[in-house]
């Protein structure tokens, strides 16, 4: 059964909200680029490189917790069902609009597509085939193919990166460079060389995610980091200006998507500062609209990516149909086009997004924008109960209860005399209630008589005035007191100074006579103070 909002929170452990926001921005940029075009968007924000960098960082966390084969299997399990559902819908559409399978041709070579290549719709080792009618439908599938290859190579890449970080990160660029100089065949000469090109471009971005997650990126000195960023940016710009995209339409000659080496260098130049200077993005979670938007896009990233180009093509006949009832100027407005595309994408999220939940073994949801306020309160209560249960586990100090022996049933407050210090241990649970009034003055670790914590009952006696006025001048159990309380209010004093003077007794200091009585026939001997 599909629910509107899941019982499970969308918040994932150890997932930075900033990285989720970057992924959201990348997805929105991809949809915007495919809706309107514009080579400047490829320079403003290299979305595909950013998405590969974020995925690479998550792979490090997974590989550190699970065996490599388990991680690869889990990644494939979470990605492939969305592709299979996409193929179940798109392949019949391509057959309906573009003719029988025998007429399908490879977009790179123009050769007929063998029937056996349909297996790539099940396991996309190479690009799943399509026909001319479905070119815009299948053009986005290169990302899934490259992603799966990088997932499969990640155990080896991560091991090599930890041992030789810089050579491992730079080596894939050599493949792109060899293709640029004609040493290796170009990406247009077959699926294999197209795969080599995309791996060469985006494997460095993937390993920048390694560098971010392992902390190596933060260890690079700032001057060296700036030099690397500037060198990559200048190199990418220079290469793009000197080697524009061939056979490109007007205005697209300098589109980075047609210049692999410039794309790789510019992506590195942008990704490094994005990951190195990650700001605090907690304000996004506190903003209802943005927080829910980020949660939705991240939970439906694969669905949005797969279906957005289909919905862009679908928006054209819909706009033509709407011109019968709406003003033509409104329907042809770019803002209207963009809104129409996102409305159609939202319908795809409702219709097909649930498969991502099934793939992730979550309860299916229609619109996973996050838990309700009631669910968040229930989650918080569950977390508190789990923490209390963990604290009460065997081998851990138990919280202090009321001191029955002393009749102290006051609530306990955390502090230097809190449950951890006065919990179950050699003194027994609840043996010493934490002092409430002078806790901040009591030094930690004080143990009178050398074996236990201070007598809290004495603090309670001070508060109730058993030994006179409240001890405003009290400093420390073994310290002298100030002049106001020095003689009258010490625990060993039996009566006040005034009473002793009335009886003609000698003055006392800290509860003791200031001098010893002289023995009969002996001169008085002054007693040295204990302090």
Protein backbone atom coordinates (compact mmCIF):
# COMPACT_ATOMS: atom_id res chain seq x y z
CA UNK A 1 0.00 0.00 0.00
CA UNK A 2 1.28 3.44 -0.94
CA UNK A 3 1.03 6.17 1.67
CA UNK A 4 1.16 9.91 1.24
CA UNK A 5 3.83 10.48 3.85
CA UNK A 6 6.04 7.75 5.22
CA UNK A 7 6.21 6.70 8.84
CA UNK A 8 9.94 6.79 8.51
CA UNK A 9 11.67 10.15 8.64
CA UNK A 10 13.45 11.33 5.53
CA UNK A 11 16.42 12.41 7.61
CA UNK A 12 19.30 10.00 7.13
CA UNK A 13 22.10 9.52 9.64
CA UNK A 14 25.40 11.23 8.83
CA UNK A 15 23.97 12.86 5.69
CA UNK A 16 24.96 16.54 5.46
CA UNK A 17 22.08 18.76 4.43
CA UNK A 18 24.51 20.87 2.41
CA UNK A 19 25.31 17.92 0.14
CA UNK A 20 21.62 17.17 -0.33
CA UNK A 21 21.10 20.83 -1.27
CA UNK A 22 23.90 20.57 -3.85
CA UNK A 23 22.26 17.51 -5.38
CA UNK A 24 18.96 19.38 -5.53
CA UNK A 25 20.61 22.32 -7.30
CA UNK A 26 22.29 19.94 -9.75
CA UNK A 27 19.00 18.21 -10.65
CA UNK A 28 17.24 21.55 -11.16
CA UNK A 29 20.11 22.75 -13.35
CA UNK A 30 19.91 19.61 -15.52
CA UNK A 31 16.17 20.09 -16.07
CA UNK A 32 16.67 23.79 -16.82
CA UNK A 33 19.46 23.07 -19.32
CA UNK A 34 17.42 20.48 -21.20
CA UNK A 35 14.38 22.76 -21.23
CA UNK A 36 16.01 25.92 -22.55
CA UNK A 37 19.52 24.94 -23.65
CA UNK A 38 22.28 27.51 -23.25
CA UNK A 39 25.98 26.73 -23.13
CA UNK A 40 26.44 29.24 -20.31
CA UNK A 41 24.62 26.89 -17.91
CA UNK A 42 27.33 24.26 -18.40
CA UNK A 43 29.86 26.84 -17.18
CA UNK A 44 27.72 28.34 -14.42
CA UNK A 45 27.24 25.03 -12.63
CA UNK A 46 28.73 21.73 -13.91
CA UNK A 47 25.85 19.67 -12.56
CA UNK A 48 26.92 16.22 -13.73
CA UNK A 49 30.39 16.54 -12.19
CA UNK A 50 28.84 17.66 -8.91
CA UNK A 51 26.46 14.68 -8.88
CA UNK A 52 29.32 12.25 -9.46
CA UNK A 53 31.37 13.88 -6.68
CA UNK A 54 28.50 13.55 -4.21
CA UNK A 55 27.97 9.91 -5.17
CA UNK A 56 31.67 9.17 -4.74
CA UNK A 57 31.63 10.56 -1.22
CA UNK A 58 28.73 8.32 -0.28
CA UNK A 59 30.58 5.30 -1.66
CA UNK A 60 33.43 5.89 0.80
CA UNK A 61 31.05 5.78 3.73
CA UNK A 62 29.42 2.59 2.45
CA UNK A 63 32.70 0.83 1.70
CA UNK A 64 34.00 1.65 5.18
CA UNK A 65 30.99 -0.11 6.73
CA UNK A 66 30.26 -3.04 4.41
CA UNK A 67 32.10 -5.52 2.15
CA UNK A 68 32.68 -4.26 -1.42
CA UNK A 69 30.41 -6.83 -3.08
CA UNK A 70 27.58 -5.95 -0.70
CA UNK A 71 27.96 -2.25 -1.47
CA UNK A 72 27.96 -2.85 -5.23
CA UNK A 73 24.91 -5.10 -4.99
CA UNK A 74 23.02 -2.56 -2.87
CA UNK A 75 23.82 0.33 -5.21
CA UNK A 76 22.67 -1.64 -8.23
CA UNK A 77 19.54 -2.76 -6.41
CA UNK A 78 18.60 0.83 -5.64
CA UNK A 79 19.22 2.10 -9.19
CA UNK A 80 18.09 -0.62 -11.59
CA UNK A 81 14.36 -0.97 -10.69
CA UNK A 82 13.76 2.66 -11.71
CA UNK A 83 15.47 1.95 -15.05
CA UNK A 84 13.41 -1.23 -15.58
CA UNK A 85 10.15 0.62 -14.97
CA UNK A 86 11.32 3.36 -17.33
CA UNK A 87 12.06 0.75 -20.03
CA UNK A 88 8.70 -0.97 -19.60
CA UNK A 89 7.03 2.32 -20.53
CA UNK A 90 9.47 3.82 -23.03
CA UNK A 91 10.23 0.78 -25.21
CA UNK A 92 6.55 0.37 -26.23
CA UNK A 93 6.35 4.13 -26.84
CA UNK A 94 9.41 3.97 -29.12
CA UNK A 95 7.95 0.98 -30.96
CA UNK A 96 4.68 2.89 -31.41
CA UNK A 97 6.32 6.11 -32.57
CA UNK A 98 9.44 4.87 -34.37
CA UNK A 99 8.54 1.55 -35.90
CA UNK A 100 9.61 -2.04 -35.35
CA UNK A 101 12.80 -2.98 -33.59
CA UNK A 102 14.41 -3.99 -36.88
CA UNK A 103 14.48 -0.32 -37.88
CA UNK A 104 16.40 0.83 -34.81
CA UNK A 105 19.91 2.16 -35.42
CA UNK A 106 22.85 3.07 -33.19
CA UNK A 107 22.93 6.90 -32.79
CA UNK A 108 26.76 6.91 -32.84
CA UNK A 109 27.53 4.59 -35.73
CA UNK A 110 24.23 4.46 -37.64
CA UNK A 111 24.37 0.66 -37.74
CA UNK A 112 21.29 -1.50 -37.02
CA UNK A 113 20.85 -2.47 -33.37
CA UNK A 114 21.12 -6.23 -32.74
CA UNK A 115 18.29 -7.74 -30.75
CA UNK A 116 20.65 -9.01 -28.02
CA UNK A 117 21.53 -5.42 -27.04
CA UNK A 118 18.15 -5.13 -25.36
CA UNK A 119 19.93 -6.78 -22.41
CA UNK A 120 21.42 -3.35 -21.71
CA UNK A 121 17.95 -2.27 -20.58
CA UNK A 122 18.34 -4.86 -17.80
CA UNK A 123 22.01 -4.33 -16.96
CA UNK A 124 23.27 -1.09 -18.55
CA UNK A 125 26.91 -2.03 -19.10
CA UNK A 126 26.58 0.12 -22.22
CA UNK A 127 23.87 2.54 -23.26
CA UNK A 128 20.44 0.89 -23.65
CA UNK A 129 19.42 1.06 -27.31
CA UNK A 130 16.69 3.22 -28.77
CA UNK A 131 15.48 4.62 -32.08
CA UNK A 132 15.37 8.06 -33.60
CA UNK A 133 11.92 8.75 -32.19
CA UNK A 134 13.17 8.08 -28.66
CA UNK A 135 16.53 9.85 -28.93
CA UNK A 136 15.61 12.41 -26.29
CA UNK A 137 14.27 9.64 -24.07
CA UNK A 138 17.45 7.56 -24.04
CA UNK A 139 20.09 10.30 -24.27
CA UNK A 140 20.15 10.68 -20.47
CA UNK A 141 20.92 7.00 -19.82
CA UNK A 142 24.68 7.49 -20.17
CA UNK A 143 24.67 8.77 -16.56
CA UNK A 144 23.31 5.50 -15.17
CA UNK A 145 25.80 3.51 -17.23
CA UNK A 146 28.76 5.59 -16.01
CA UNK A 147 27.48 5.57 -12.45
CA UNK A 148 27.30 1.77 -12.33
CA UNK A 149 30.80 1.43 -13.76
CA UNK A 150 32.20 3.81 -11.14
CA UNK A 151 30.36 1.93 -8.42
CA UNK A 152 31.90 -1.34 -9.61
CA UNK A 153 35.38 0.21 -9.78
CA UNK A 154 35.13 2.05 -6.45
CA UNK A 155 36.71 -0.63 -4.21
CA UNK A 156 39.86 -0.59 -6.37
CA UNK A 157 39.78 3.17 -6.90
CA UNK A 158 39.40 3.88 -3.18
CA UNK A 159 42.23 1.55 -2.26
CA UNK A 160 44.50 3.16 -4.84
CA UNK A 161 43.38 6.66 -3.85
CA UNK A 162 44.24 6.12 -0.21
CA UNK A 163 47.72 4.94 -1.18
CA UNK A 164 48.47 7.30 -4.10
CA UNK A 165 45.83 10.06 -4.02
CA UNK A 166 47.13 12.49 -6.63
CA UNK A 167 48.22 9.97 -9.32
CA UNK A 168 44.96 8.05 -8.95
CA UNK A 169 42.87 11.19 -9.30
CA UNK A 170 44.78 12.55 -12.29
CA UNK A 171 45.20 9.29 -14.24
CA UNK A 172 41.67 9.20 -15.77
CA UNK A 173 42.27 12.61 -17.33
CA UNK A 174 44.93 10.92 -19.44
CA UNK A 175 42.23 8.94 -21.25
CA UNK A 176 40.39 12.13 -22.20
CA UNK A 177 43.65 13.75 -23.25
CA UNK A 178 44.55 10.78 -25.48
CA UNK A 179 41.14 10.99 -27.14
CA UNK A 180 41.53 14.74 -27.61
CA UNK A 181 44.81 14.23 -29.50
CA UNK A 182 43.46 11.35 -31.55
CA UNK A 183 45.57 8.62 -29.94
CA UNK A 184 42.38 6.83 -28.84
CA UNK A 185 39.16 6.75 -30.90
CA UNK A 186 36.70 9.55 -30.19
CA UNK A 187 33.46 8.99 -28.24
CA UNK A 188 31.46 9.06 -31.49
CA UNK A 189 33.08 5.84 -32.74
CA UNK A 190 31.19 3.40 -30.54
CA UNK A 191 29.76 2.66 -27.12
CA UNK A 192 33.09 1.50 -25.72
CA UNK A 193 34.89 4.75 -26.51
CA UNK A 194 31.94 6.80 -25.30
CA UNK A 195 32.23 4.92 -22.00
CA UNK A 196 35.99 5.59 -21.88
CA UNK A 197 35.32 9.29 -22.43
CA UNK A 198 32.74 9.62 -19.66
CA UNK A 199 34.85 7.61 -17.22
CA UNK A 200 37.84 9.82 -17.96
CA UNK A 201 35.77 12.96 -17.42
CA UNK A 202 33.93 12.03 -14.26
CA UNK A 203 36.17 9.56 -12.41
CA UNK A 204 38.24 12.53 -11.09
CA UNK A 205 35.00 14.15 -9.86
CA UNK A 206 34.03 10.83 -8.23
CA UNK A 207 37.40 10.71 -6.44
CA UNK A 208 37.05 14.30 -5.29
CA UNK A 209 34.14 12.87 -3.32
CA UNK A 210 36.67 10.39 -1.89
CA UNK A 211 38.93 13.29 -0.92
CA UNK A 212 36.08 15.14 0.77
CA UNK A 213 34.80 12.15 2.72
CA UNK A 214 38.26 10.95 3.84
CA UNK A 215 39.33 14.44 4.91
CA UNK A 216 42.23 14.67 2.47
CA UNK A 217 40.72 17.74 0.85
CA UNK A 218 40.88 19.72 4.09
CA UNK A 219 44.55 18.79 4.58
CA UNK A 220 45.68 20.54 1.39
CA UNK A 221 47.32 23.89 2.27
CA UNK A 222 45.26 26.83 1.16
CA UNK A 223 47.86 28.27 -1.26
CA UNK A 224 48.19 24.89 -2.98
CA UNK A 225 44.40 24.49 -3.10
CA UNK A 226 43.95 27.89 -4.73
CA UNK A 227 46.72 27.11 -7.23
CA UNK A 228 45.04 23.83 -8.22
CA UNK A 229 41.65 25.50 -8.68
CA UNK A 230 43.09 28.35 -10.75
CA UNK A 231 45.17 25.98 -12.89
CA UNK A 232 42.19 23.73 -13.66
CA UNK A 233 39.91 26.70 -14.39
CA UNK A 234 42.41 28.39 -16.69
CA UNK A 235 43.22 25.10 -18.40
CA UNK A 236 39.56 24.35 -19.01
CA UNK A 237 38.85 27.80 -20.42
CA UNK A 238 41.92 27.75 -22.63
CA UNK A 239 41.16 24.30 -23.99
CA UNK A 240 37.52 25.20 -24.71
CA UNK A 241 38.53 28.36 -26.56
CA UNK A 242 41.12 26.51 -28.61
CA UNK A 243 39.05 23.37 -29.26
CA UNK A 244 35.36 24.27 -29.62
CA UNK A 245 32.80 21.51 -30.13
CA UNK A 246 32.70 20.24 -33.71
CA UNK A 247 29.48 20.18 -35.72
CA UNK A 248 27.74 22.18 -32.99
CA UNK A 249 24.80 24.48 -33.59
CA UNK A 250 25.23 28.22 -33.43
CA UNK A 251 25.84 29.35 -29.85
CA UNK A 252 26.78 25.83 -28.68
CA UNK A 253 30.36 25.68 -29.90
CA UNK A 254 31.65 26.34 -26.41
CA UNK A 255 29.19 24.15 -24.57
CA UNK A 256 31.22 22.05 -22.13
CA UNK A 257 29.09 18.99 -22.84
CA UNK A 258 30.76 18.79 -26.27
CA UNK A 259 34.33 19.41 -25.02
CA UNK A 260 35.27 16.52 -22.69
CA UNK A 261 38.67 17.72 -21.47
CA UNK A 262 37.46 21.25 -20.75
CA UNK A 263 34.41 19.78 -19.02
CA UNK A 264 36.61 17.64 -16.75
CA UNK A 265 38.99 20.47 -15.83
CA UNK A 266 36.23 23.02 -15.20
CA UNK A 267 34.25 20.54 -13.12
CA UNK A 268 37.28 19.94 -10.90
CA UNK A 269 37.79 23.69 -10.49
CA UNK A 270 34.18 24.15 -9.32
CA UNK A 271 33.83 21.02 -7.18
CA UNK A 272 36.94 21.61 -5.04
CA UNK A 273 35.72 24.89 -3.45
CA UNK A 274 32.16 23.57 -3.19
CA UNK A 275 33.33 20.64 -1.07
CA UNK A 276 36.23 22.34 0.70
CA UNK A 277 34.33 25.40 1.92
CA UNK A 278 31.04 23.69 2.75
CA UNK A 279 28.92 26.25 4.67
CA UNK A 280 26.41 25.49 7.38
CA UNK A 281 23.14 24.64 5.63
CA UNK A 282 21.06 23.89 8.72
CA UNK A 283 18.90 26.92 7.91
CA UNK A 284 17.51 24.97 4.94
CA UNK A 285 16.09 22.35 7.30
CA UNK A 286 14.49 25.11 9.37
CA UNK A 287 12.79 26.58 6.27
CA UNK A 288 9.65 24.52 5.62
CA UNK A 289 9.51 24.94 1.83
CA UNK A 290 13.22 24.50 1.12
CA UNK A 291 13.62 21.64 3.57
CA UNK A 292 10.75 19.71 2.01
CA UNK A 293 11.92 20.50 -1.53
CA UNK A 294 15.41 19.15 -0.78
CA UNK A 295 13.93 16.04 0.84
CA UNK A 296 11.63 15.42 -2.14
CA UNK A 297 14.28 15.88 -4.83
CA UNK A 298 16.82 13.68 -3.03
CA UNK A 299 14.27 10.91 -2.48
CA UNK A 300 13.20 11.04 -6.15
CA UNK A 301 16.46 12.02 -7.88
CA UNK A 302 16.55 9.00 -10.21
CA UNK A 303 12.90 9.34 -11.18
CA UNK A 304 13.25 13.05 -11.94
CA UNK A 305 16.41 12.49 -13.95
CA UNK A 306 14.99 9.62 -16.03
CA UNK A 307 11.63 11.18 -16.86
CA UNK A 308 12.35 14.90 -17.20
CA UNK A 309 13.38 14.72 -20.88
CA UNK A 310 10.27 12.70 -21.72
CA UNK A 311 8.15 15.34 -20.02
CA UNK A 312 9.91 18.13 -21.89
CA UNK A 313 8.93 16.49 -25.19
CA UNK A 314 5.42 15.92 -23.87
CA UNK A 315 5.05 19.60 -22.95
CA UNK A 316 5.10 20.72 -26.63
CA UNK A 317 1.85 19.05 -27.76
CA UNK A 318 0.26 19.99 -24.44
CA UNK A 319 1.10 23.66 -25.06
CA UNK A 320 -0.32 23.44 -28.58
CA UNK A 321 -3.52 21.98 -27.16
CA UNK A 322 -3.77 24.68 -24.48
CA UNK A 323 -3.57 27.48 -27.05
CA UNK A 324 -7.20 26.70 -27.92
CA UNK A 325 -8.34 28.10 -24.57
CA UNK A 326 -5.46 30.21 -23.27
CA UNK A 327 -3.78 33.28 -24.78
CA UNK A 328 -0.97 32.31 -27.10
CA UNK A 329 1.37 34.81 -25.47
CA UNK A 330 0.93 33.11 -22.10
CA UNK A 331 1.44 29.57 -23.38
CA UNK A 332 4.56 30.52 -25.34
CA UNK A 333 6.11 32.30 -22.38
CA UNK A 334 9.34 30.56 -21.20
CA UNK A 335 8.16 30.73 -17.59
CA UNK A 336 4.98 28.89 -18.59
CA UNK A 337 7.02 26.25 -20.40
CA UNK A 338 9.22 25.73 -17.35
CA UNK A 339 6.20 25.49 -15.06
CA UNK A 340 4.53 22.97 -17.38
CA UNK A 341 7.63 20.78 -17.40
CA UNK A 342 7.83 20.70 -13.60
CA UNK A 343 4.11 19.94 -13.27
CA UNK A 344 4.57 16.97 -15.60
CA UNK A 345 7.69 15.88 -13.69
CA UNK A 346 5.69 16.04 -10.45
CA UNK A 347 3.08 13.76 -12.03
CA UNK A 348 5.87 11.32 -12.90
CA UNK A 349 7.07 11.44 -9.31
CA UNK A 350 3.56 10.50 -8.19
CA UNK A 351 3.18 7.79 -10.82
CA UNK A 352 6.64 6.18 -10.83
CA UNK A 353 8.61 7.45 -7.84
CA UNK A 354 7.39 4.74 -5.49
CA UNK A 355 9.72 2.26 -7.18
CA UNK A 356 12.67 4.04 -5.56
CA UNK A 357 11.16 3.31 -2.15
CA UNK A 358 10.73 -0.35 -3.00
CA UNK A 359 14.31 -0.51 -4.28
CA UNK A 360 15.54 1.06 -1.03
CA UNK A 361 13.30 -1.28 1.01
CA UNK A 362 11.26 1.60 2.38
CA UNK A 363 7.53 1.97 2.71
CA UNK A 364 6.26 3.33 -0.64
CA UNK A 365 5.32 7.01 -0.61
CA UNK A 366 3.65 9.25 -3.17
CA UNK A 367 5.30 12.53 -2.19
CA UNK A 368 8.20 12.03 0.25
CA UNK A 369 8.54 15.60 1.46
CA UNK A 370 9.31 14.61 5.05
CA UNK A 371 7.50 13.53 8.21
CA UNK A 372 4.67 15.50 9.77
CA UNK A 373 5.06 17.39 13.03
CA UNK A 374 3.39 14.53 14.93
CA UNK A 375 5.79 12.02 13.37
CA UNK A 376 8.76 14.20 14.25
CA UNK A 377 7.59 14.34 17.87
CA UNK A 378 7.15 10.56 17.90
CA UNK A 379 10.62 10.17 16.41
CA UNK A 380 12.12 12.43 19.07
CA UNK A 381 10.36 10.50 21.84
CA UNK A 382 11.64 7.23 20.40
CA UNK A 383 15.18 8.60 20.32
CA UNK A 384 14.95 9.64 23.97
CA UNK A 385 13.59 6.23 24.98
CA UNK A 386 16.38 4.50 23.08
CA UNK A 387 18.98 6.68 24.77
CA UNK A 388 17.56 5.95 28.22
CA UNK A 389 17.55 2.26 27.45
CA UNK A 390 21.15 2.45 26.31
CA UNK A 391 22.17 4.32 29.47
CA UNK A 392 20.51 1.67 31.62
CA UNK A 393 22.24 -1.21 29.83
CA UNK A 394 24.49 -3.52 31.94
CA UNK A 395 27.94 -2.14 32.49
CA UNK A 396 26.81 1.49 32.25
CA UNK A 397 26.19 3.80 35.23
CA UNK A 398 22.52 3.93 36.16
CA UNK A 399 20.80 7.27 36.74
CA UNK A 400 20.50 8.40 40.36
CA UNK A 401 17.13 8.06 42.02
CA UNK A 402 15.89 9.86 45.15
CA UNK A 403 18.04 9.44 48.22
CA UNK A 404 15.60 7.51 50.42
CA UNK A 405 17.96 7.40 53.35
CA UNK A 406 18.18 11.17 53.46
CA UNK A 407 14.57 11.79 52.47
CA UNK A 408 15.72 13.73 49.41
CA UNK A 409 13.18 13.45 46.62
CA UNK A 410 14.08 16.60 44.75
CA UNK A 411 14.56 16.44 40.97
CA UNK A 412 18.06 15.85 39.73
CA UNK A 413 19.79 18.40 37.55
CA UNK A 414 22.79 17.64 35.32
CA UNK A 415 26.08 19.07 36.43
CA UNK A 416 29.31 18.05 38.11
CA UNK A 417 27.26 15.99 40.58
CA UNK A 418 24.90 14.51 37.98
CA UNK A 419 23.90 10.88 37.44
CA UNK A 420 27.16 9.85 35.73
CA UNK A 421 29.21 10.84 38.77
CA UNK A 422 26.77 9.68 41.41
CA UNK A 423 25.32 6.68 39.61
CA UNK A 424 25.74 3.01 40.19
CA UNK A 425 29.30 2.19 41.21
CA UNK A 426 31.30 1.60 44.29
CA UNK A 427 29.09 3.97 46.27
CA UNK A 428 25.83 2.32 45.21
CA UNK A 429 22.93 3.91 43.31
CA UNK A 430 21.50 7.04 44.83
CA UNK A 431 23.79 7.01 47.85
CA UNK A 432 24.73 10.63 47.48
CA UNK A 433 22.19 13.08 46.11
CA UNK A 434 23.79 15.86 44.08
CA UNK A 435 24.11 19.11 46.03
CA UNK A 436 21.94 21.77 44.49
CA UNK A 437 23.23 24.98 45.95
CA UNK A 438 26.99 24.76 45.98
CA UNK A 439 27.61 22.34 43.11
CA UNK A 440 29.47 24.93 41.10
CA UNK A 441 31.90 25.54 43.96
CA UNK A 442 32.66 21.89 44.73
CA UNK A 443 35.81 20.72 42.91
CA UNK A 444 35.43 17.53 40.90
CA UNK A 445 37.00 14.45 42.38
CA UNK A 446 36.79 15.62 46.02
CA UNK A 447 36.45 12.64 48.34
CA UNK A 448 36.50 13.22 52.13
CA UNK A 449 38.19 10.55 54.17
CA UNK A 450 39.88 9.45 50.95
CA UNK A 451 37.21 7.02 49.78
CA UNK A 452 33.96 8.63 48.79
CA UNK A 453 32.12 11.72 47.55
CA UNK A 454 31.18 14.58 49.88
CA UNK A 455 28.41 14.16 52.41
CA UNK A 456 25.46 15.75 50.66
CA UNK A 457 23.43 15.73 53.86
CA UNK A 458 25.78 18.34 55.25
CA UNK A 459 24.92 20.64 52.32
CA UNK A 460 21.25 20.12 53.05
CA UNK A 461 21.86 21.02 56.71
CA UNK A 462 23.56 24.23 55.62
CA UNK A 463 20.56 25.11 53.47
CA UNK A 464 18.01 24.46 56.23
CA UNK A 465 19.94 26.62 58.67
CA UNK A 466 20.71 23.90 61.19
CA UNK A 467 24.04 25.55 61.89
CA UNK A 468 22.88 29.11 61.70
CA UNK A 469 22.30 31.48 58.79
CA UNK A 470 22.65 30.29 55.17
CA UNK A 471 26.28 29.76 54.28
CA UNK A 472 26.71 32.57 51.82
CA UNK A 473 30.45 32.69 52.49
CA UNK A 474 31.10 28.96 52.10
CA UNK A 475 33.95 28.19 49.73
CA UNK A 476 35.13 24.59 50.20
CA UNK A 477 34.65 21.88 52.86
CA UNK A 478 38.31 22.01 53.90
CA UNK A 479 38.82 25.71 53.44
CA UNK A 480 38.66 28.40 56.04
CA UNK A 481 35.56 30.58 56.01
CA UNK A 482 35.28 34.28 55.79
CA UNK A 483 35.19 36.46 58.87
CA UNK A 484 31.43 36.54 59.08
CA UNK A 485 31.03 32.77 59.50
CA UNK A 486 34.47 31.71 60.63
CA UNK A 487 33.69 31.19 64.30
CA UNK A 488 29.97 30.60 64.56
CA UNK A 489 28.94 28.46 61.63
CA UNK A 490 31.44 25.66 61.27
CA UNK A 491 29.88 22.14 61.47
CA UNK A 492 31.93 21.33 64.60
CA UNK A 493 30.75 24.41 66.49
CA UNK A 494 28.27 23.63 69.27
CA UNK A 495 27.00 27.12 69.92
CA UNK A 496 27.44 30.63 68.74
CA UNK A 497 30.29 32.99 69.56
CA UNK A 498 27.98 35.16 71.62
CA UNK A 499 27.01 32.22 73.81
CA UNK A 500 30.63 31.28 74.39
CA UNK A 501 31.53 34.84 75.32
CA UNK A 502 28.63 34.93 77.78
CA UNK A 503 30.07 31.82 79.47
CA UNK A 504 33.54 33.32 79.52
CA UNK A 505 35.07 30.67 77.29
CA UNK A 506 38.14 31.33 75.21
CA UNK A 507 37.62 32.31 71.55
CA UNK A 508 37.42 29.52 69.00
CA UNK A 509 38.69 29.24 65.50
CA UNK A 510 37.07 26.74 63.15
CA UNK A 511 35.42 25.07 66.13
CA UNK A 512 38.65 24.62 68.12
CA UNK A 513 40.06 26.70 70.98
CA UNK A 514 42.57 29.21 69.71
CA UNK A 515 44.99 28.11 72.45
CA UNK A 516 45.37 25.18 74.80
CA UNK A 517 44.61 25.59 78.51
CA UNK A 518 47.89 25.86 80.40
CA UNK A 519 48.72 22.99 82.71
CA UNK A 520 48.82 23.75 86.36
CA UNK A 521 52.05 25.50 87.19
CA UNK A 522 53.06 25.89 83.46
CA UNK A 523 53.03 29.02 81.30
CA UNK A 524 50.45 29.21 78.53
CA UNK A 525 51.58 27.78 75.15
CA UNK A 526 50.11 29.34 72.06
CA UNK A 527 48.57 26.81 69.65
CA UNK A 528 49.48 27.02 65.99
CA UNK A 529 46.56 27.29 63.67
CA UNK A 530 45.79 24.32 61.50
CA UNK A 531 45.59 26.68 58.58
